[in-house]
Amino acid sequence: MTKAKILKLIGLGESEKILGVDIGKQTIERLTNTIVDNLDPRIYPEIKPLKTDKKSVISIEVSASHDKPHLAQGKAFIRIGKNTKAMSRNEYERLLLKKHEEKLHFDNQICKGSTLKNINETKVRDFLKKLIRKGI
């Protein structure tokens, strides 16, 4: 199941204790640029400073993406429980194929069980003549 949004708070310690974080004039802008510039395809987070108990935290909210997988600094990662691990090349390729499977055309795929007897020679000749006329 895809989550609608992902929320991360910067400035929390273990057990969600509020530690706070210093927020300067350009902190939010730098954080936004770092996230946007290092992900491909890009994700545009909603980043807000929050104040609570005289301490500041930063809220980063990201809508779930339908354009997966995303690369972070050119590498694919996978979340396993609370851990983030580099994705294997095979897993990354599998996700890319799954993402683009509906874009793959039937004429690029192997027709299992077919033999030369299934090919209509006249239609193939007509098709080749059309290609030659078009200069292809």
N, C-alpha and C. Protein backbone atom coordinates (compact mmCIF):
# COMPACT_ATOMS: atom_id res chain seq x y z
N MET A 1 0.84 -1.18 0.00
CA MET A 1 0.00 0.00 0.00
C MET A 1 0.89 1.25 0.00
N THR A 2 0.58 2.19 -0.85
CA THR A 2 1.35 3.42 -0.94
C THR A 2 0.84 4.43 0.08
N LYS A 3 1.76 5.01 0.82
CA LYS A 3 1.38 6.02 1.81
C LYS A 3 1.06 7.32 1.07
N ALA A 4 0.07 8.04 1.59
CA ALA A 4 -0.31 9.30 0.96
C ALA A 4 0.77 10.35 1.13
N LYS A 5 1.37 10.40 2.32
CA LYS A 5 2.40 11.40 2.60
C LYS A 5 3.43 10.81 3.54
N ILE A 6 4.62 11.35 3.44
CA ILE A 6 5.70 10.98 4.34
C ILE A 6 6.08 12.22 5.12
N LEU A 7 6.17 12.12 6.43
CA LEU A 7 6.50 13.26 7.27
C LEU A 7 7.76 12.94 8.06
N LYS A 8 8.70 13.85 8.03
CA LYS A 8 9.94 13.71 8.80
C LYS A 8 10.13 14.99 9.59
N LEU A 9 10.50 14.84 10.86
CA LEU A 9 10.77 16.00 11.70
C LEU A 9 12.26 16.02 12.05
N ILE A 10 12.90 17.14 11.80
CA ILE A 10 14.30 17.33 12.16
C ILE A 10 14.33 18.12 13.45
N GLY A 11 15.07 17.61 14.43
CA GLY A 11 15.14 18.26 15.73
C GLY A 11 14.59 17.41 16.84
N LEU A 12 14.26 16.15 16.50
CA LEU A 12 13.78 15.21 17.50
C LEU A 12 14.89 14.22 17.83
N GLY A 13 14.96 13.84 19.10
CA GLY A 13 15.94 12.84 19.51
C GLY A 13 15.27 11.49 19.66
N GLU A 14 15.97 10.59 20.34
CA GLU A 14 15.40 9.27 20.59
C GLU A 14 14.14 9.43 21.44
N SER A 15 13.24 8.52 21.30
CA SER A 15 11.95 8.57 22.01
C SER A 15 11.17 9.83 21.68
N GLU A 16 11.47 10.42 20.51
CA GLU A 16 10.75 11.60 20.02
C GLU A 16 10.87 12.80 20.95
N LYS A 17 11.92 12.85 21.75
CA LYS A 17 12.17 13.99 22.63
C LYS A 17 12.58 15.18 21.76
N ILE A 18 11.99 16.34 22.04
CA ILE A 18 12.29 17.54 21.26
C ILE A 18 13.63 18.11 21.70
N LEU A 19 14.61 18.05 20.80
CA LEU A 19 15.93 18.61 21.07
C LEU A 19 16.04 20.02 20.50
N GLY A 20 15.35 20.23 19.40
CA GLY A 20 15.41 21.52 18.73
C GLY A 20 16.54 21.57 17.72
N VAL A 21 16.48 22.53 16.84
CA VAL A 21 17.47 22.73 15.80
C VAL A 21 17.55 24.23 15.51
N ASP A 22 18.75 24.72 15.20
CA ASP A 22 18.90 26.14 14.85
C ASP A 22 18.39 26.36 13.43
N ILE A 23 17.53 27.35 13.28
CA ILE A 23 16.99 27.67 11.96
C ILE A 23 17.40 29.09 11.62
N GLY A 24 18.31 29.21 10.65
CA GLY A 24 18.75 30.52 10.20
C GLY A 24 17.89 31.03 9.06
N LYS A 25 18.26 32.19 8.51
CA LYS A 25 17.48 32.81 7.44
C LYS A 25 17.36 31.91 6.21
N GLN A 26 18.42 31.19 5.88
CA GLN A 26 18.42 30.41 4.64
C GLN A 26 18.35 28.91 4.88
N THR A 27 18.08 28.48 6.09
CA THR A 27 18.07 27.05 6.41
C THR A 27 17.04 26.30 5.57
N ILE A 28 15.82 26.80 5.53
CA ILE A 28 14.74 26.12 4.80
C ILE A 28 15.06 26.08 3.31
N GLU A 29 15.54 27.20 2.77
CA GLU A 29 15.88 27.26 1.34
C GLU A 29 17.01 26.28 1.00
N ARG A 30 18.05 26.25 1.83
CA ARG A 30 19.17 25.33 1.58
C ARG A 30 18.72 23.87 1.68
N LEU A 31 17.90 23.58 2.66
CA LEU A 31 17.39 22.22 2.83
C LEU A 31 16.54 21.80 1.63
N THR A 32 15.66 22.69 1.19
CA THR A 32 14.83 22.42 0.02
C THR A 32 15.69 22.16 -1.20
N ASN A 33 16.66 23.04 -1.45
CA ASN A 33 17.54 22.88 -2.62
C ASN A 33 18.34 21.59 -2.56
N THR A 34 18.81 21.23 -1.38
CA THR A 34 19.58 19.99 -1.23
C THR A 34 18.73 18.78 -1.59
N ILE A 35 17.50 18.76 -1.12
CA ILE A 35 16.60 17.64 -1.42
C ILE A 35 16.27 17.60 -2.91
N VAL A 36 15.84 18.73 -3.46
CA VAL A 36 15.43 18.78 -4.86
C VAL A 36 16.60 18.47 -5.79
N ASP A 37 17.77 19.02 -5.52
CA ASP A 37 18.92 18.86 -6.41
C ASP A 37 19.55 17.48 -6.37
N ASN A 38 19.30 16.70 -5.33
CA ASN A 38 19.96 15.40 -5.19
C ASN A 38 19.06 14.21 -5.47
N LEU A 39 17.82 14.46 -5.88
CA LEU A 39 16.91 13.37 -6.20
C LEU A 39 16.55 13.38 -7.67
N ASP A 40 16.42 12.19 -8.24
CA ASP A 40 16.03 12.06 -9.64
C ASP A 40 15.15 10.82 -9.76
N PRO A 41 13.92 10.97 -10.26
CA PRO A 41 13.23 12.20 -10.58
C PRO A 41 13.05 13.06 -9.33
N ARG A 42 12.92 14.34 -9.59
CA ARG A 42 12.87 15.30 -8.48
C ARG A 42 11.59 15.17 -7.66
N ILE A 43 11.75 15.47 -6.38
CA ILE A 43 10.63 15.53 -5.44
C ILE A 43 10.65 16.93 -4.84
N TYR A 44 9.48 17.51 -4.70
CA TYR A 44 9.38 18.87 -4.16
C TYR A 44 8.69 18.81 -2.80
N PRO A 45 9.48 18.81 -1.74
CA PRO A 45 8.91 18.68 -0.40
C PRO A 45 8.32 19.99 0.10
N GLU A 46 7.43 19.86 1.07
CA GLU A 46 6.91 21.04 1.77
C GLU A 46 7.66 21.09 3.10
N ILE A 47 8.49 22.11 3.26
CA ILE A 47 9.34 22.23 4.44
C ILE A 47 8.92 23.45 5.24
N LYS A 48 8.67 23.23 6.54
CA LYS A 48 8.21 24.33 7.39
C LYS A 48 8.95 24.31 8.72
N PRO A 49 9.29 25.50 9.22
CA PRO A 49 9.81 25.56 10.58
C PRO A 49 8.64 25.53 11.56
N LEU A 50 8.80 24.79 12.66
CA LEU A 50 7.77 24.72 13.69
C LEU A 50 8.40 25.06 15.03
N LYS A 51 7.65 25.76 15.87
CA LYS A 51 8.15 26.09 17.21
C LYS A 51 7.27 25.39 18.23
N THR A 52 7.93 24.76 19.19
CA THR A 52 7.22 24.10 20.26
C THR A 52 8.11 24.08 21.50
N ASP A 53 7.55 24.36 22.64
CA ASP A 53 8.32 24.37 23.90
C ASP A 53 9.59 25.21 23.79
N LYS A 54 9.48 26.34 23.14
CA LYS A 54 10.61 27.27 22.96
C LYS A 54 11.74 26.68 22.13
N LYS A 55 11.47 25.58 21.45
CA LYS A 55 12.48 24.96 20.59
C LYS A 55 11.92 24.88 19.18
N SER A 56 12.82 24.91 18.22
CA SER A 56 12.41 24.84 16.81
C SER A 56 12.70 23.46 16.24
N VAL A 57 11.78 22.99 15.43
CA VAL A 57 11.99 21.76 14.65
C VAL A 57 11.62 22.08 13.21
N ILE A 58 12.04 21.23 12.30
CA ILE A 58 11.72 21.42 10.89
C ILE A 58 10.86 20.24 10.44
N SER A 59 9.74 20.55 9.82
CA SER A 59 8.83 19.54 9.29
C SER A 59 9.09 19.42 7.78
N ILE A 60 9.33 18.19 7.33
CA ILE A 60 9.50 17.92 5.90
C ILE A 60 8.39 16.96 5.51
N GLU A 61 7.53 17.40 4.59
CA GLU A 61 6.40 16.58 4.16
C GLU A 61 6.52 16.34 2.66
N VAL A 62 6.41 15.07 2.27
CA VAL A 62 6.53 14.69 0.87
C VAL A 62 5.33 13.83 0.50
N SER A 63 4.67 14.18 -0.59
CA SER A 63 3.58 13.35 -1.09
C SER A 63 4.16 12.08 -1.70
N ALA A 64 3.43 10.99 -1.59
CA ALA A 64 3.88 9.73 -2.19
C ALA A 64 4.05 9.92 -3.69
N SER A 65 5.07 9.33 -4.22
CA SER A 65 5.39 9.48 -5.64
C SER A 65 4.94 8.26 -6.42
N HIS A 66 4.44 8.51 -7.61
CA HIS A 66 4.09 7.42 -8.52
C HIS A 66 5.19 7.23 -9.55
N ASP A 67 6.25 8.00 -9.43
CA ASP A 67 7.35 7.99 -10.40
C ASP A 67 8.57 7.31 -9.78
N LYS A 68 8.38 6.13 -9.23
CA LYS A 68 9.46 5.40 -8.55
C LYS A 68 10.18 4.51 -9.55
N PRO A 69 11.40 4.16 -9.30
CA PRO A 69 12.23 4.49 -8.14
C PRO A 69 12.90 5.85 -8.31
N HIS A 70 13.25 6.45 -7.18
CA HIS A 70 13.99 7.71 -7.16
C HIS A 70 15.44 7.40 -6.83
N LEU A 71 16.34 8.17 -7.41
CA LEU A 71 17.75 8.04 -7.10
C LEU A 71 18.16 9.18 -6.18
N ALA A 72 18.97 8.88 -5.19
CA ALA A 72 19.53 9.89 -4.30
C ALA A 72 21.02 9.93 -4.59
N GLN A 73 21.48 11.06 -5.10
CA GLN A 73 22.87 11.23 -5.49
C GLN A 73 23.31 10.12 -6.44
N GLY A 74 22.42 9.77 -7.37
CA GLY A 74 22.73 8.78 -8.39
C GLY A 74 22.60 7.33 -7.98
N LYS A 75 22.16 7.06 -6.75
CA LYS A 75 22.03 5.68 -6.28
C LYS A 75 20.59 5.41 -5.86
N ALA A 76 20.17 4.16 -6.06
CA ALA A 76 18.83 3.74 -5.64
C ALA A 76 18.92 3.10 -4.26
N PHE A 77 17.94 3.42 -3.43
CA PHE A 77 17.91 2.89 -2.07
C PHE A 77 16.55 2.25 -1.81
N ILE A 78 16.52 1.36 -0.83
CA ILE A 78 15.28 0.70 -0.45
C ILE A 78 15.15 0.77 1.07
N ARG A 79 13.93 0.96 1.52
CA ARG A 79 13.67 1.05 2.96
C ARG A 79 13.29 -0.33 3.46
N ILE A 80 14.00 -0.81 4.48
CA ILE A 80 13.71 -2.10 5.11
C ILE A 80 13.50 -1.83 6.59
N GLY A 81 12.25 -1.76 7.01
CA GLY A 81 11.94 -1.40 8.40
C GLY A 81 12.42 0.01 8.68
N LYS A 82 13.28 0.18 9.67
CA LYS A 82 13.82 1.50 10.00
C LYS A 82 15.13 1.77 9.28
N ASN A 83 15.59 0.81 8.49
CA ASN A 83 16.89 0.94 7.82
C ASN A 83 16.74 1.29 6.35
N THR A 84 17.70 2.02 5.84
CA THR A 84 17.77 2.35 4.42
C THR A 84 19.02 1.69 3.86
N LYS A 85 18.85 0.87 2.82
CA LYS A 85 19.96 0.13 2.22
C LYS A 85 20.06 0.45 0.74
N ALA A 86 21.29 0.42 0.23
CA ALA A 86 21.48 0.59 -1.21
C ALA A 86 20.79 -0.56 -1.93
N MET A 87 20.08 -0.24 -3.00
CA MET A 87 19.35 -1.24 -3.76
C MET A 87 20.32 -1.96 -4.70
N SER A 88 20.14 -3.26 -4.85
CA SER A 88 20.98 -4.00 -5.79
C SER A 88 20.62 -3.60 -7.22
N ARG A 89 21.56 -3.80 -8.12
CA ARG A 89 21.32 -3.45 -9.52
C ARG A 89 20.13 -4.25 -10.07
N ASN A 90 20.04 -5.54 -9.70
CA ASN A 90 18.94 -6.37 -10.18
C ASN A 90 17.59 -5.85 -9.70
N GLU A 91 17.52 -5.45 -8.43
CA GLU A 91 16.27 -4.92 -7.89
C GLU A 91 15.90 -3.61 -8.58
N TYR A 92 16.89 -2.76 -8.82
CA TYR A 92 16.65 -1.49 -9.50
C TYR A 92 16.14 -1.73 -10.92
N GLU A 93 16.78 -2.64 -11.64
CA GLU A 93 16.35 -2.95 -13.00
C GLU A 93 14.94 -3.53 -13.02
N ARG A 94 14.63 -4.38 -12.03
CA ARG A 94 13.28 -4.96 -11.95
C ARG A 94 12.23 -3.88 -11.75
N LEU A 95 12.53 -2.91 -10.88
CA LEU A 95 11.59 -1.80 -10.65
C LEU A 95 11.41 -0.95 -11.90
N LEU A 96 12.50 -0.71 -12.63
CA LEU A 96 12.39 0.07 -13.87
C LEU A 96 11.55 -0.66 -14.90
N LEU A 97 11.76 -1.96 -15.04
CA LEU A 97 10.96 -2.73 -15.99
C LEU A 97 9.49 -2.72 -15.59
N LYS A 98 9.22 -2.88 -14.30
CA LYS A 98 7.83 -2.84 -13.82
C LYS A 98 7.21 -1.48 -14.10
N LYS A 99 7.99 -0.42 -13.89
CA LYS A 99 7.49 0.94 -14.11
C LYS A 99 7.12 1.17 -15.57
N HIS A 100 7.90 0.59 -16.48
CA HIS A 100 7.71 0.87 -17.90
C HIS A 100 7.03 -0.27 -18.66
N GLU A 101 6.55 -1.30 -17.95
CA GLU A 101 6.00 -2.45 -18.66
C GLU A 101 4.81 -2.09 -19.54
N GLU A 102 3.99 -1.15 -19.11
CA GLU A 102 2.84 -0.78 -19.95
C GLU A 102 3.26 0.03 -21.16
N LYS A 103 4.47 0.57 -21.13
CA LYS A 103 4.98 1.34 -22.27
C LYS A 103 5.67 0.45 -23.29
N LEU A 104 5.98 -0.79 -22.90
CA LEU A 104 6.62 -1.71 -23.83
C LEU A 104 5.59 -2.13 -24.87
N HIS A 105 5.96 -2.05 -26.10
CA HIS A 105 5.03 -2.38 -27.18
C HIS A 105 5.04 -3.88 -27.45
N PHE A 106 3.89 -4.39 -27.86
CA PHE A 106 3.78 -5.81 -28.11
C PHE A 106 4.73 -6.27 -29.21
N ASP A 107 5.03 -5.39 -30.17
CA ASP A 107 5.89 -5.80 -31.28
C ASP A 107 7.36 -5.91 -30.88
N ASN A 108 7.70 -5.50 -29.67
CA ASN A 108 9.07 -5.67 -29.16
C ASN A 108 9.20 -6.95 -28.34
N GLN A 109 8.12 -7.65 -28.16
CA GLN A 109 8.13 -8.82 -27.29
C GLN A 109 8.12 -10.11 -28.10
N ILE A 110 8.67 -11.14 -27.50
CA ILE A 110 8.72 -12.45 -28.14
C ILE A 110 7.35 -13.09 -28.04
N CYS A 111 6.91 -13.68 -29.13
CA CYS A 111 5.64 -14.40 -29.16
C CYS A 111 5.96 -15.87 -28.95
N LYS A 112 5.86 -16.30 -27.69
CA LYS A 112 6.23 -17.68 -27.34
C LYS A 112 5.32 -18.68 -28.05
N GLY A 113 5.92 -19.75 -28.51
CA GLY A 113 5.17 -20.81 -29.17
C GLY A 113 4.96 -20.58 -30.66
N SER A 114 5.39 -19.44 -31.18
CA SER A 114 5.22 -19.16 -32.61
C SER A 114 6.32 -19.82 -33.41
N THR A 115 5.99 -20.14 -34.64
CA THR A 115 6.97 -20.70 -35.58
C THR A 115 6.89 -19.91 -36.87
N LEU A 116 7.77 -20.22 -37.81
CA LEU A 116 7.74 -19.53 -39.11
C LEU A 116 6.42 -19.78 -39.84
N LYS A 117 5.75 -20.87 -39.53
CA LYS A 117 4.46 -21.17 -40.16
C LYS A 117 3.40 -20.14 -39.78
N ASN A 118 3.60 -19.45 -38.66
CA ASN A 118 2.63 -18.45 -38.20
C ASN A 118 2.79 -17.10 -38.91
N ILE A 119 3.84 -16.95 -39.69
CA ILE A 119 4.12 -15.66 -40.34
C ILE A 119 3.54 -15.67 -41.75
N ASN A 120 2.78 -14.64 -42.07
CA ASN A 120 2.19 -14.50 -43.39
C ASN A 120 3.21 -13.81 -44.30
N GLU A 121 3.75 -14.56 -45.26
CA GLU A 121 4.82 -14.06 -46.13
C GLU A 121 4.37 -12.85 -46.94
N THR A 122 3.16 -12.84 -47.43
CA THR A 122 2.65 -11.72 -48.22
C THR A 122 2.61 -10.44 -47.39
N LYS A 123 2.14 -10.54 -46.18
CA LYS A 123 2.07 -9.36 -45.31
C LYS A 123 3.46 -8.83 -44.97
N VAL A 124 4.40 -9.73 -44.76
CA VAL A 124 5.77 -9.30 -44.47
C VAL A 124 6.35 -8.57 -45.68
N ARG A 125 6.16 -9.12 -46.89
CA ARG A 125 6.66 -8.46 -48.12
C ARG A 125 6.02 -7.08 -48.29
N ASP A 126 4.70 -6.98 -48.08
CA ASP A 126 4.02 -5.68 -48.21
C ASP A 126 4.56 -4.68 -47.20
N PHE A 127 4.80 -5.14 -45.98
CA PHE A 127 5.34 -4.27 -44.93
C PHE A 127 6.73 -3.78 -45.32
N LEU A 128 7.58 -4.67 -45.80
CA LEU A 128 8.94 -4.28 -46.21
C LEU A 128 8.91 -3.30 -47.38
N LYS A 129 7.99 -3.50 -48.33
CA LYS A 129 7.87 -2.56 -49.46
C LYS A 129 7.50 -1.16 -48.96
N LYS A 130 6.59 -1.09 -47.99
CA LYS A 130 6.21 0.21 -47.42
C LYS A 130 7.40 0.89 -46.76
N LEU A 131 8.20 0.12 -46.04
CA LEU A 131 9.39 0.67 -45.40
C LEU A 131 10.38 1.21 -46.44
N ILE A 132 10.56 0.46 -47.52
CA ILE A 132 11.49 0.89 -48.58
C ILE A 132 10.98 2.17 -49.22
N ARG A 133 9.67 2.26 -49.49
CA ARG A 133 9.10 3.48 -50.08
C ARG A 133 9.30 4.69 -49.17
N LYS A 134 9.23 4.47 -47.86
CA LYS A 134 9.42 5.56 -46.90
C LYS A 134 10.89 5.87 -46.66
N GLY A 135 11.78 5.06 -47.22
CA GLY A 135 13.20 5.30 -47.05
C GLY A 135 13.74 4.83 -45.71
N ILE A 136 13.06 3.89 -45.13
CA ILE A 136 13.50 3.38 -43.82
C ILE A 136 14.31 2.11 -44.01
